[in-house]
């Protein structure tokens, strides 16, 4: 990370998508742990973290968006986002980037 910063790069980590494959069987607890570990490491090395997991979980839990609405219907593994959720995540990331560089009023 330090080498990238020394060259003037900003580093951004994006955590996993909140999709059925990550929640089935015993994976939910492991997935939550992985998300926490990613957050902890990002904090430790002081890089930006875009919390896709929390965003998509919010859509599902708080906004009532079904998991089926978030995934690609042609994906038998239930692991990949569909175009709609990818676009929504992209818009949220874009807005977060713009907000982070806007001058303070």
PDB file of N, CA and C in Angstrom:
ATOM      1  N   UNK A   1       0.817  -1.183   0.000  1.00  0.00           N
ATOM      2  CA  UNK A   1       0.000   0.000   0.000  1.00  0.00           C
ATOM      3  C   UNK A   1       0.865   1.254   0.000  1.00  0.00           C
ATOM      4  N   UNK A   2       1.906   1.223   0.802  1.00  0.00           N
ATOM      5  CA  UNK A   2       2.777   2.393   0.898  1.00  0.00           C
ATOM      6  C   UNK A   2       3.416   2.708  -0.447  1.00  0.00           C
ATOM      7  N   UNK A   3       3.760   1.671  -1.199  1.00  0.00           N
ATOM      8  CA  UNK A   3       4.364   1.885  -2.517  1.00  0.00           C
ATOM      9  C   UNK A   3       3.385   2.559  -3.464  1.00  0.00           C
ATOM     10  N   UNK A   4       2.109   2.173  -3.385  1.00  0.00           N
ATOM     11  CA  UNK A   4       1.105   2.806  -4.233  1.00  0.00           C
ATOM     12  C   UNK A   4       0.913   4.267  -3.843  1.00  0.00           C
ATOM     13  N   UNK A   5       0.827   4.509  -2.566  1.00  0.00           N
ATOM     14  CA  UNK A   5       0.663   5.892  -2.096  1.00  0.00           C
ATOM     15  C   UNK A   5       1.864   6.745  -2.465  1.00  0.00           C
ATOM     16  N   UNK A   6       3.061   6.170  -2.380  1.00  0.00           N
ATOM     17  CA  UNK A   6       4.270   6.913  -2.727  1.00  0.00           C
ATOM     18  C   UNK A   6       4.238   7.347  -4.192  1.00  0.00           C
ATOM     19  N   UNK A   7       3.525   6.620  -5.010  1.00  0.00           N
ATOM     20  CA  UNK A   7       3.393   6.965  -6.431  1.00  0.00           C
ATOM     21  C   UNK A   7       2.180   7.851  -6.695  1.00  0.00           C
ATOM     22  N   UNK A   8       1.461   8.230  -5.633  1.00  0.00           N
ATOM     23  CA  UNK A   8       0.334   9.139  -5.782  1.00  0.00           C
ATOM     24  C   UNK A   8      -1.009   8.470  -6.003  1.00  0.00           C
ATOM     25  N   UNK A   9      -1.069   7.171  -5.823  1.00  0.00           N
ATOM     26  CA  UNK A   9      -2.319   6.453  -6.016  1.00  0.00           C
ATOM     27  C   UNK A   9      -3.169   6.484  -4.745  1.00  0.00           C
ATOM     28  N   UNK A  10      -4.463   6.596  -4.925  1.00  0.00           N
ATOM     29  CA  UNK A  10      -5.409   6.393  -3.841  1.00  0.00           C
ATOM     30  C   UNK A  10      -5.788   4.913  -3.866  1.00  0.00           C
ATOM     31  N   UNK A  11      -5.939   4.314  -2.716  1.00  0.00           N
ATOM     32  CA  UNK A  11      -6.283   2.902  -2.627  1.00  0.00           C
ATOM     33  C   UNK A  11      -7.696   2.782  -2.075  1.00  0.00           C
ATOM     34  N   UNK A  12      -8.487   1.959  -2.727  1.00  0.00           N
ATOM     35  CA  UNK A  12      -9.860   1.712  -2.302  1.00  0.00           C
ATOM     36  C   UNK A  12     -10.092   0.210  -2.287  1.00  0.00           C
ATOM     37  N   UNK A  13     -10.592  -0.278  -1.175  1.00  0.00           N
ATOM     38  CA  UNK A  13     -10.953  -1.682  -1.040  1.00  0.00           C
ATOM     39  C   UNK A  13     -12.477  -1.770  -1.056  1.00  0.00           C
ATOM     40  N   UNK A  14     -12.988  -2.740  -1.781  1.00  0.00           N
ATOM     41  CA  UNK A  14     -14.430  -2.980  -1.812  1.00  0.00           C
ATOM     42  C   UNK A  14     -14.663  -4.372  -1.248  1.00  0.00           C
ATOM     43  N   UNK A  15     -15.503  -4.456  -0.235  1.00  0.00           N
ATOM     44  CA  UNK A  15     -15.757  -5.765   0.363  1.00  0.00           C
ATOM     45  C   UNK A  15     -16.760  -6.562  -0.484  1.00  0.00           C
ATOM     46  N   UNK A  16     -17.035  -7.815  -0.126  1.00  0.00           N
ATOM     47  CA  UNK A  16     -17.828  -8.706  -0.976  1.00  0.00           C
ATOM     48  C   UNK A  16     -19.278  -8.250  -1.171  1.00  0.00           C
ATOM     49  N   UNK A  17     -19.890  -8.837  -2.164  1.00  0.00           N
ATOM     50  CA  UNK A  17     -21.308  -8.593  -2.415  1.00  0.00           C
ATOM     51  C   UNK A  17     -22.144  -9.441  -1.450  1.00  0.00           C
ATOM     52  N   UNK A  18     -23.313  -8.921  -1.102  1.00  0.00           N
ATOM     53  CA  UNK A  18     -24.246  -9.613  -0.211  1.00  0.00           C
ATOM     54  C   UNK A  18     -25.200 -10.401  -1.105  1.00  0.00           C
ATOM     55  N   UNK A  19     -24.888 -11.660  -1.314  1.00  0.00           N
ATOM     56  CA  UNK A  19     -25.646 -12.517  -2.228  1.00  0.00           C
ATOM     57  C   UNK A  19     -25.886 -13.881  -1.594  1.00  0.00           C
ATOM     58  N   UNK A  20     -26.843 -14.641  -2.107  1.00  0.00           N
ATOM     59  CA  UNK A  20     -27.192 -15.930  -1.494  1.00  0.00           C
ATOM     60  C   UNK A  20     -26.012 -16.863  -1.263  1.00  0.00           C
ATOM     61  N   UNK A  21     -25.116 -16.968  -2.209  1.00  0.00           N
ATOM     62  CA  UNK A  21     -23.995 -17.900  -2.073  1.00  0.00           C
ATOM     63  C   UNK A  21     -23.169 -17.614  -0.819  1.00  0.00           C
ATOM     64  N   UNK A  22     -23.104 -16.347  -0.435  1.00  0.00           N
ATOM     65  CA  UNK A  22     -22.331 -15.957   0.740  1.00  0.00           C
ATOM     66  C   UNK A  22     -23.103 -16.190   2.036  1.00  0.00           C
ATOM     67  N   UNK A  23     -24.380 -16.555   1.931  1.00  0.00           N
ATOM     68  CA  UNK A  23     -25.230 -16.667   3.116  1.00  0.00           C
ATOM     69  C   UNK A  23     -25.720 -18.090   3.382  1.00  0.00           C
ATOM     70  N   UNK A  24     -25.582 -18.982   2.411  1.00  0.00           N
ATOM     71  CA  UNK A  24     -26.089 -20.338   2.561  1.00  0.00           C
ATOM     72  C   UNK A  24     -25.292 -21.137   3.586  1.00  0.00           C
ATOM     73  N   UNK A  25     -25.981 -22.097   4.163  1.00  0.00           N
ATOM     74  CA  UNK A  25     -25.365 -23.064   5.080  1.00  0.00           C
ATOM     75  C   UNK A  25     -24.599 -22.349   6.187  1.00  0.00           C
ATOM     76  N   UNK A  26     -23.351 -22.708   6.353  1.00  0.00           N
ATOM     77  CA  UNK A  26     -22.543 -22.102   7.410  1.00  0.00           C
ATOM     78  C   UNK A  26     -21.764 -20.894   6.903  1.00  0.00           C
ATOM     79  N   UNK A  27     -22.049 -20.455   5.691  1.00  0.00           N
ATOM     80  CA  UNK A  27     -21.272 -19.369   5.102  1.00  0.00           C
ATOM     81  C   UNK A  27     -21.603 -17.994   5.669  1.00  0.00           C
ATOM     82  N   UNK A  28     -22.798 -17.797   6.195  1.00  0.00           N
ATOM     83  CA  UNK A  28     -23.189 -16.473   6.677  1.00  0.00           C
ATOM     84  C   UNK A  28     -22.247 -15.982   7.774  1.00  0.00           C
ATOM     85  N   UNK A  29     -21.978 -16.834   8.744  1.00  0.00           N
ATOM     86  CA  UNK A  29     -21.081 -16.446   9.829  1.00  0.00           C
ATOM     87  C   UNK A  29     -19.662 -16.210   9.312  1.00  0.00           C
ATOM     88  N   UNK A  30     -19.191 -17.089   8.434  1.00  0.00           N
ATOM     89  CA  UNK A  30     -17.859 -16.919   7.852  1.00  0.00           C
ATOM     90  C   UNK A  30     -17.780 -15.656   7.002  1.00  0.00           C
ATOM     91  N   UNK A  31     -18.847 -15.372   6.269  1.00  0.00           N
ATOM     92  CA  UNK A  31     -18.880 -14.170   5.428  1.00  0.00           C
ATOM     93  C   UNK A  31     -18.851 -12.913   6.282  1.00  0.00           C
ATOM     94  N   UNK A  32     -19.629 -12.892   7.355  1.00  0.00           N
ATOM     95  CA  UNK A  32     -19.602 -11.747   8.272  1.00  0.00           C
ATOM     96  C   UNK A  32     -18.201 -11.554   8.852  1.00  0.00           C
ATOM     97  N   UNK A  33     -17.574 -12.649   9.199  1.00  0.00           N
ATOM     98  CA  UNK A  33     -16.213 -12.566   9.751  1.00  0.00           C
ATOM     99  C   UNK A  33     -15.241 -12.017   8.710  1.00  0.00           C
ATOM    100  N   UNK A  34     -15.356 -12.476   7.466  1.00  0.00           N
ATOM    101  CA  UNK A  34     -14.480 -11.989   6.401  1.00  0.00           C
ATOM    102  C   UNK A  34     -14.671 -10.482   6.200  1.00  0.00           C
ATOM    103  N   UNK A  35     -15.921 -10.039   6.206  1.00  0.00           N
ATOM    104  CA  UNK A  35     -16.209  -8.612   6.038  1.00  0.00           C
ATOM    105  C   UNK A  35     -15.582  -7.813   7.182  1.00  0.00           C
ATOM    106  N   UNK A  36     -15.693  -8.307   8.405  1.00  0.00           N
ATOM    107  CA  UNK A  36     -15.084  -7.619   9.554  1.00  0.00           C
ATOM    108  C   UNK A  36     -13.562  -7.578   9.424  1.00  0.00           C
ATOM    109  N   UNK A  37     -12.964  -8.685   8.985  1.00  0.00           N
ATOM    110  CA  UNK A  37     -11.506  -8.723   8.821  1.00  0.00           C
ATOM    111  C   UNK A  37     -11.036  -7.743   7.747  1.00  0.00           C
ATOM    112  N   UNK A  38     -11.771  -7.673   6.655  1.00  0.00           N
ATOM    113  CA  UNK A  38     -11.436  -6.718   5.591  1.00  0.00           C
ATOM    114  C   UNK A  38     -11.508  -5.290   6.139  1.00  0.00           C
ATOM    115  N   UNK A  39     -12.573  -4.991   6.886  1.00  0.00           N
ATOM    116  CA  UNK A  39     -12.723  -3.657   7.487  1.00  0.00           C
ATOM    117  C   UNK A  39     -11.572  -3.362   8.441  1.00  0.00           C
ATOM    118  N   UNK A  40     -11.230  -4.336   9.279  1.00  0.00           N
ATOM    119  CA  UNK A  40     -10.153  -4.136  10.250  1.00  0.00           C
ATOM    120  C   UNK A  40      -8.814  -3.866   9.567  1.00  0.00           C
ATOM    121  N   UNK A  41      -8.517  -4.624   8.523  1.00  0.00           N
ATOM    122  CA  UNK A  41      -7.256  -4.429   7.804  1.00  0.00           C
ATOM    123  C   UNK A  41      -7.248  -3.087   7.088  1.00  0.00           C
ATOM    124  N   UNK A  42      -8.368  -2.720   6.467  1.00  0.00           N
ATOM    125  CA  UNK A  42      -8.447  -1.422   5.793  1.00  0.00           C
ATOM    126  C   UNK A  42      -8.198  -0.290   6.791  1.00  0.00           C
ATOM    127  N   UNK A  43      -8.789  -0.403   7.972  1.00  0.00           N
ATOM    128  CA  UNK A  43      -8.566   0.602   9.012  1.00  0.00           C
ATOM    129  C   UNK A  43      -7.110   0.617   9.463  1.00  0.00           C
ATOM    130  N   UNK A  44      -6.550  -0.576   9.636  1.00  0.00           N
ATOM    131  CA  UNK A  44      -5.174  -0.687  10.122  1.00  0.00           C
ATOM    132  C   UNK A  44      -4.172  -0.047   9.168  1.00  0.00           C
ATOM    133  N   UNK A  45      -4.360  -0.293   7.871  1.00  0.00           N
ATOM    134  CA  UNK A  45      -3.413   0.260   6.893  1.00  0.00           C
ATOM    135  C   UNK A  45      -3.888   1.591   6.319  1.00  0.00           C
ATOM    136  N   UNK A  46      -4.993   2.085   6.855  1.00  0.00           N
ATOM    137  CA  UNK A  46      -5.528   3.401   6.517  1.00  0.00           C
ATOM    138  C   UNK A  46      -5.811   3.567   5.030  1.00  0.00           C
ATOM    139  N   UNK A  47      -6.603   2.617   4.498  1.00  0.00           N
ATOM    140  CA  UNK A  47      -7.085   2.759   3.123  1.00  0.00           C
ATOM    141  C   UNK A  47      -8.602   2.915   3.155  1.00  0.00           C
ATOM    142  N   UNK A  48      -9.124   3.497   2.107  1.00  0.00           N
ATOM    143  CA  UNK A  48     -10.565   3.679   1.998  1.00  0.00           C
ATOM    144  C   UNK A  48     -11.246   2.332   1.797  1.00  0.00           C
ATOM    145  N   UNK A  49     -12.418   2.191   2.406  1.00  0.00           N
ATOM    146  CA  UNK A  49     -13.211   0.969   2.268  1.00  0.00           C
ATOM    147  C   UNK A  49     -14.610   1.338   1.808  1.00  0.00           C
ATOM    148  N   UNK A  50     -15.029   0.757   0.692  1.00  0.00           N
ATOM    149  CA  UNK A  50     -16.410   0.895   0.252  1.00  0.00           C
ATOM    150  C   UNK A  50     -17.137  -0.350   0.729  1.00  0.00           C
ATOM    151  N   UNK A  51     -18.140  -0.153   1.575  1.00  0.00           N
ATOM    152  CA  UNK A  51     -18.818  -1.263   2.235  1.00  0.00           C
ATOM    153  C   UNK A  51     -20.014  -1.757   1.410  1.00  0.00           C
ATOM    154  N   UNK A  52     -19.695  -2.472   0.337  1.00  0.00           N
ATOM    155  CA  UNK A  52     -20.734  -3.026  -0.533  1.00  0.00           C
ATOM    156  C   UNK A  52     -21.629  -4.002   0.225  1.00  0.00           C
ATOM    157  N   UNK A  53     -21.029  -4.828   1.094  1.00  0.00           N
ATOM    158  CA  UNK A  53     -21.781  -5.808   1.887  1.00  0.00           C
ATOM    159  C   UNK A  53     -22.876  -5.114   2.685  1.00  0.00           C
ATOM    160  N   UNK A  54     -22.510  -4.073   3.413  1.00  0.00           N
ATOM    161  CA  UNK A  54     -23.469  -3.344   4.251  1.00  0.00           C
ATOM    162  C   UNK A  54     -24.534  -2.660   3.404  1.00  0.00           C
ATOM    163  N   UNK A  55     -24.137  -2.111   2.276  1.00  0.00           N
ATOM    164  CA  UNK A  55     -25.086  -1.447   1.389  1.00  0.00           C
ATOM    165  C   UNK A  55     -26.129  -2.427   0.868  1.00  0.00           C
ATOM    166  N   UNK A  56     -25.671  -3.551   0.351  1.00  0.00           N
ATOM    167  CA  UNK A  56     -26.596  -4.542  -0.210  1.00  0.00           C
ATOM    168  C   UNK A  56     -27.434  -5.188   0.892  1.00  0.00           C
ATOM    169  N   UNK A  57     -26.837  -5.396   2.047  1.00  0.00           N
ATOM    170  CA  UNK A  57     -27.595  -5.951   3.179  1.00  0.00           C
ATOM    171  C   UNK A  57     -28.700  -4.973   3.580  1.00  0.00           C
ATOM    172  N   UNK A  58     -28.383  -3.690   3.578  1.00  0.00           N
ATOM    173  CA  UNK A  58     -29.388  -2.667   3.892  1.00  0.00           C
ATOM    174  C   UNK A  58     -30.548  -2.729   2.901  1.00  0.00           C
ATOM    175  N   UNK A  59     -30.226  -2.832   1.624  1.00  0.00           N
ATOM    176  CA  UNK A  59     -31.294  -2.943   0.616  1.00  0.00           C
ATOM    177  C   UNK A  59     -32.197  -4.129   0.937  1.00  0.00           C
ATOM    178  N   UNK A  60     -31.580  -5.254   1.278  1.00  0.00           N
ATOM    179  CA  UNK A  60     -32.336  -6.479   1.531  1.00  0.00           C
ATOM    180  C   UNK A  60     -33.124  -6.399   2.842  1.00  0.00           C
ATOM    181  N   UNK A  61     -32.451  -6.074   3.929  1.00  0.00           N
ATOM    182  CA  UNK A  61     -33.064  -6.112   5.248  1.00  0.00           C
ATOM    183  C   UNK A  61     -33.976  -4.907   5.490  1.00  0.00           C
ATOM    184  N   UNK A  62     -33.485  -3.717   5.197  1.00  0.00           N
ATOM    185  CA  UNK A  62     -34.240  -2.503   5.510  1.00  0.00           C
ATOM    186  C   UNK A  62     -35.244  -2.114   4.424  1.00  0.00           C
ATOM    187  N   UNK A  63     -34.847  -2.295   3.164  1.00  0.00           N
ATOM    188  CA  UNK A  63     -35.691  -1.844   2.053  1.00  0.00           C
ATOM    189  C   UNK A  63     -36.531  -2.954   1.445  1.00  0.00           C
ATOM    190  N   UNK A  64     -36.350  -4.188   1.906  1.00  0.00           N
ATOM    191  CA  UNK A  64     -37.165  -5.295   1.421  1.00  0.00           C
ATOM    192  C   UNK A  64     -36.863  -5.756   0.006  1.00  0.00           C
ATOM    193  N   UNK A  65     -35.664  -5.470  -0.483  1.00  0.00           N
ATOM    194  CA  UNK A  65     -35.270  -5.955  -1.811  1.00  0.00           C
ATOM    195  C   UNK A  65     -34.894  -7.431  -1.663  1.00  0.00           C
ATOM    196  N   UNK A  66     -35.548  -8.287  -2.408  1.00  0.00           N
ATOM    197  CA  UNK A  66     -35.261  -9.717  -2.283  1.00  0.00           C
ATOM    198  C   UNK A  66     -33.864 -10.029  -2.817  1.00  0.00           C
ATOM    199  N   UNK A  67     -33.283 -11.090  -2.299  1.00  0.00           N
ATOM    200  CA  UNK A  67     -31.973 -11.506  -2.796  1.00  0.00           C
ATOM    201  C   UNK A  67     -32.038 -11.859  -4.275  1.00  0.00           C
ATOM    202  N   UNK A  68     -33.180 -12.383  -4.702  1.00  0.00           N
ATOM    203  CA  UNK A  68     -33.347 -12.715  -6.120  1.00  0.00           C
ATOM    204  C   UNK A  68     -33.268 -11.471  -6.999  1.00  0.00           C
ATOM    205  N   UNK A  69     -33.669 -10.320  -6.452  1.00  0.00           N
ATOM    206  CA  UNK A  69     -33.600  -9.073  -7.209  1.00  0.00           C
ATOM    207  C   UNK A  69     -32.170  -8.556  -7.320  1.00  0.00           C
ATOM    208  N   UNK A  70     -31.264  -9.065  -6.510  1.00  0.00           N
ATOM    209  CA  UNK A  70     -29.886  -8.587  -6.494  1.00  0.00           C
ATOM    210  C   UNK A  70     -28.937  -9.422  -7.340  1.00  0.00           C
ATOM    211  N   UNK A  71     -29.343 -10.630  -7.682  1.00  0.00           N
ATOM    212  CA  UNK A  71     -28.411 -11.537  -8.358  1.00  0.00           C
ATOM    213  C   UNK A  71     -28.800 -11.769  -9.812  1.00  0.00           C
ATOM    214  N   UNK A  72     -27.831 -12.207 -10.566  1.00  0.00           N
ATOM    215  CA  UNK A  72     -28.033 -12.549 -11.974  1.00  0.00           C
ATOM    216  C   UNK A  72     -28.834 -13.847 -12.043  1.00  0.00           C
ATOM    217  N   UNK A  73     -30.010 -13.787 -12.637  1.00  0.00           N
ATOM    218  CA  UNK A  73     -30.896 -14.956 -12.705  1.00  0.00           C
ATOM    219  C   UNK A  73     -30.265 -16.126 -13.463  1.00  0.00           C
ATOM    220  N   UNK A  74     -29.310 -15.845 -14.333  1.00  0.00           N
ATOM    221  CA  UNK A  74     -28.683 -16.922 -15.096  1.00  0.00           C
ATOM    222  C   UNK A  74     -27.491 -17.542 -14.367  1.00  0.00           C
ATOM    223  N   UNK A  75     -27.196 -17.063 -13.162  1.00  0.00           N
ATOM    224  CA  UNK A  75     -26.062 -17.573 -12.396  1.00  0.00           C
ATOM    225  C   UNK A  75     -26.517 -18.705 -11.480  1.00  0.00           C
ATOM    226  N   UNK A  76     -26.196 -19.950 -11.817  1.00  0.00           N
ATOM    227  CA  UNK A  76     -26.640 -21.078 -10.989  1.00  0.00           C
ATOM    228  C   UNK A  76     -25.992 -21.084  -9.606  1.00  0.00           C
ATOM    229  N   UNK A  77     -24.870 -20.401  -9.452  1.00  0.00           N
ATOM    230  CA  UNK A  77     -24.175 -20.365  -8.167  1.00  0.00           C
ATOM    231  C   UNK A  77     -24.735 -19.318  -7.206  1.00  0.00           C
ATOM    232  N   UNK A  78     -25.584 -18.426  -7.716  1.00  0.00           N
ATOM    233  CA  UNK A  78     -26.178 -17.363  -6.886  1.00  0.00           C
ATOM    234  C   UNK A  78     -25.092 -16.512  -6.218  1.00  0.00           C
ATOM    235  N   UNK A  79     -24.034 -16.218  -6.993  1.00  0.00           N
ATOM    236  CA  UNK A  79     -22.893 -15.470  -6.473  1.00  0.00           C
ATOM    237  C   UNK A  79     -22.737 -14.096  -7.116  1.00  0.00           C
ATOM    238  N   UNK A  80     -23.212 -13.930  -8.327  1.00  0.00           N
ATOM    239  CA  UNK A  80     -22.933 -12.700  -9.068  1.00  0.00           C
ATOM    240  C   UNK A  80     -24.127 -11.759  -9.102  1.00  0.00           C
ATOM    241  N   UNK A  81     -23.821 -10.493  -8.962  1.00  0.00           N
ATOM    242  CA  UNK A  81     -24.851  -9.466  -9.012  1.00  0.00           C
ATOM    243  C   UNK A  81     -25.418  -9.353 -10.431  1.00  0.00           C
ATOM    244  N   UNK A  82     -26.649  -8.852 -10.505  1.00  0.00           N
ATOM    245  CA  UNK A  82     -27.235  -8.578 -11.806  1.00  0.00           C
ATOM    246  C   UNK A  82     -26.902  -7.145 -12.222  1.00  0.00           C
ATOM    247  N   UNK A  83     -27.346  -6.764 -13.403  1.00  0.00           N
ATOM    248  CA  UNK A  83     -27.030  -5.430 -13.919  1.00  0.00           C
ATOM    249  C   UNK A  83     -27.596  -4.330 -13.025  1.00  0.00           C
ATOM    250  N   UNK A  84     -28.819  -4.526 -12.515  1.00  0.00           N
ATOM    251  CA  UNK A  84     -29.442  -3.503 -11.688  1.00  0.00           C
ATOM    252  C   UNK A  84     -28.637  -3.260 -10.421  1.00  0.00           C
ATOM    253  N   UNK A  85     -28.313  -4.321  -9.689  1.00  0.00           N
ATOM    254  CA  UNK A  85     -27.587  -4.124  -8.433  1.00  0.00           C
ATOM    255  C   UNK A  85     -26.167  -3.625  -8.684  1.00  0.00           C
ATOM    256  N   UNK A  86     -25.545  -4.067  -9.767  1.00  0.00           N
ATOM    257  CA  UNK A  86     -24.217  -3.559 -10.116  1.00  0.00           C
ATOM    258  C   UNK A  86     -24.283  -2.059 -10.394  1.00  0.00           C
ATOM    259  N   UNK A  87     -25.311  -1.637 -11.118  1.00  0.00           N
ATOM    260  CA  UNK A  87     -25.471  -0.215 -11.411  1.00  0.00           C
ATOM    261  C   UNK A  87     -25.711   0.582 -10.122  1.00  0.00           C
ATOM    262  N   UNK A  88     -26.529   0.046  -9.223  1.00  0.00           N
ATOM    263  CA  UNK A  88     -26.808   0.754  -7.975  1.00  0.00           C
ATOM    264  C   UNK A  88     -25.558   0.863  -7.105  1.00  0.00           C
ATOM    265  N   UNK A  89     -24.778  -0.201  -7.046  1.00  0.00           N
ATOM    266  CA  UNK A  89     -23.523  -0.157  -6.292  1.00  0.00           C
ATOM    267  C   UNK A  89     -22.582   0.859  -6.932  1.00  0.00           C
ATOM    268  N   UNK A  90     -22.515   0.863  -8.255  1.00  0.00           N
ATOM    269  CA  UNK A  90     -21.651   1.812  -8.969  1.00  0.00           C
ATOM    270  C   UNK A  90     -22.055   3.251  -8.693  1.00  0.00           C
ATOM    271  N   UNK A  91     -23.351   3.515  -8.691  1.00  0.00           N
ATOM    272  CA  UNK A  91     -23.836   4.866  -8.398  1.00  0.00           C
ATOM    273  C   UNK A  91     -23.496   5.267  -6.961  1.00  0.00           C
ATOM    274  N   UNK A  92     -23.670   4.349  -6.029  1.00  0.00           N
ATOM    275  CA  UNK A  92     -23.342   4.643  -4.632  1.00  0.00           C
ATOM    276  C   UNK A  92     -21.843   4.915  -4.479  1.00  0.00           C
ATOM    277  N   UNK A  93     -21.018   4.135  -5.166  1.00  0.00           N
ATOM    278  CA  UNK A  93     -19.572   4.349  -5.109  1.00  0.00           C
ATOM    279  C   UNK A  93     -19.212   5.698  -5.728  1.00  0.00           C
ATOM    280  N   UNK A  94     -19.797   6.004  -6.866  1.00  0.00           N
ATOM    281  CA  UNK A  94     -19.558   7.296  -7.519  1.00  0.00           C
ATOM    282  C   UNK A  94     -19.923   8.439  -6.577  1.00  0.00           C
ATOM    283  N   UNK A  95     -21.085   8.345  -5.949  1.00  0.00           N
ATOM    284  CA  UNK A  95     -21.524   9.402  -5.038  1.00  0.00           C
ATOM    285  C   UNK A  95     -20.598   9.530  -3.828  1.00  0.00           C
ATOM    286  N   UNK A  96     -20.106   8.414  -3.320  1.00  0.00           N
ATOM    287  CA  UNK A  96     -19.174   8.455  -2.193  1.00  0.00           C
ATOM    288  C   UNK A  96     -17.862   9.117  -2.593  1.00  0.00           C
ATOM    289  N   UNK A  97     -17.387   8.827  -3.800  1.00  0.00           N
ATOM    290  CA  UNK A  97     -16.148   9.439  -4.283  1.00  0.00           C
ATOM    291  C   UNK A  97     -16.341  10.941  -4.452  1.00  0.00           C
ATOM    292  N   UNK A  98     -17.436  11.327  -5.079  1.00  0.00           N
ATOM    293  CA  UNK A  98     -17.704  12.760  -5.288  1.00  0.00           C
ATOM    294  C   UNK A  98     -17.809  13.482  -3.943  1.00  0.00           C
ATOM    295  N   UNK A  99     -18.521  12.871  -3.004  1.00  0.00           N
ATOM    296  CA  UNK A  99     -18.680  13.493  -1.689  1.00  0.00           C
ATOM    297  C   UNK A  99     -17.338  13.648  -0.985  1.00  0.00           C
ATOM    298  N   UNK A 100     -16.434  12.677  -1.180  1.00  0.00           N
ATOM    299  CA  UNK A 100     -15.147  12.721  -0.489  1.00  0.00           C
ATOM    300  C   UNK A 100     -14.218  13.793  -1.049  1.00  0.00           C
ATOM    301  N   UNK A 101     -14.434  14.230  -2.280  1.00  0.00           N
ATOM    302  CA  UNK A 101     -13.546  15.228  -2.868  1.00  0.00           C
ATOM    303  C   UNK A 101     -14.176  16.610  -2.988  1.00  0.00           C
ATOM    304  N   UNK A 102     -15.454  16.733  -2.655  1.00  0.00           N
ATOM    305  CA  UNK A 102     -16.101  18.040  -2.694  1.00  0.00           C
ATOM    306  C   UNK A 102     -15.500  18.928  -1.613  1.00  0.00           C
ATOM    307  N   UNK A 103     -15.305  20.185  -1.952  1.00  0.00           N
ATOM    308  CA  UNK A 103     -14.769  21.091  -0.918  1.00  0.00           C
ATOM    309  C   UNK A 103     -15.775  21.244   0.215  1.00  0.00           C
ATOM    310  N   UNK A 104     -15.247  21.332   1.417  1.00  0.00           N
ATOM    311  CA  UNK A 104     -16.107  21.520   2.586  1.00  0.00           C
ATOM    312  C   UNK A 104     -16.730  22.904   2.514  1.00  0.00           C
ATOM    313  N   UNK A 105     -18.042  22.961   2.753  1.00  0.00           N
ATOM    314  CA  UNK A 105     -18.724  24.248   2.684  1.00  0.00           C
ATOM    315  C   UNK A 105     -18.702  24.955   4.011  1.00  0.00           C
TER     316      UNK A 105
END
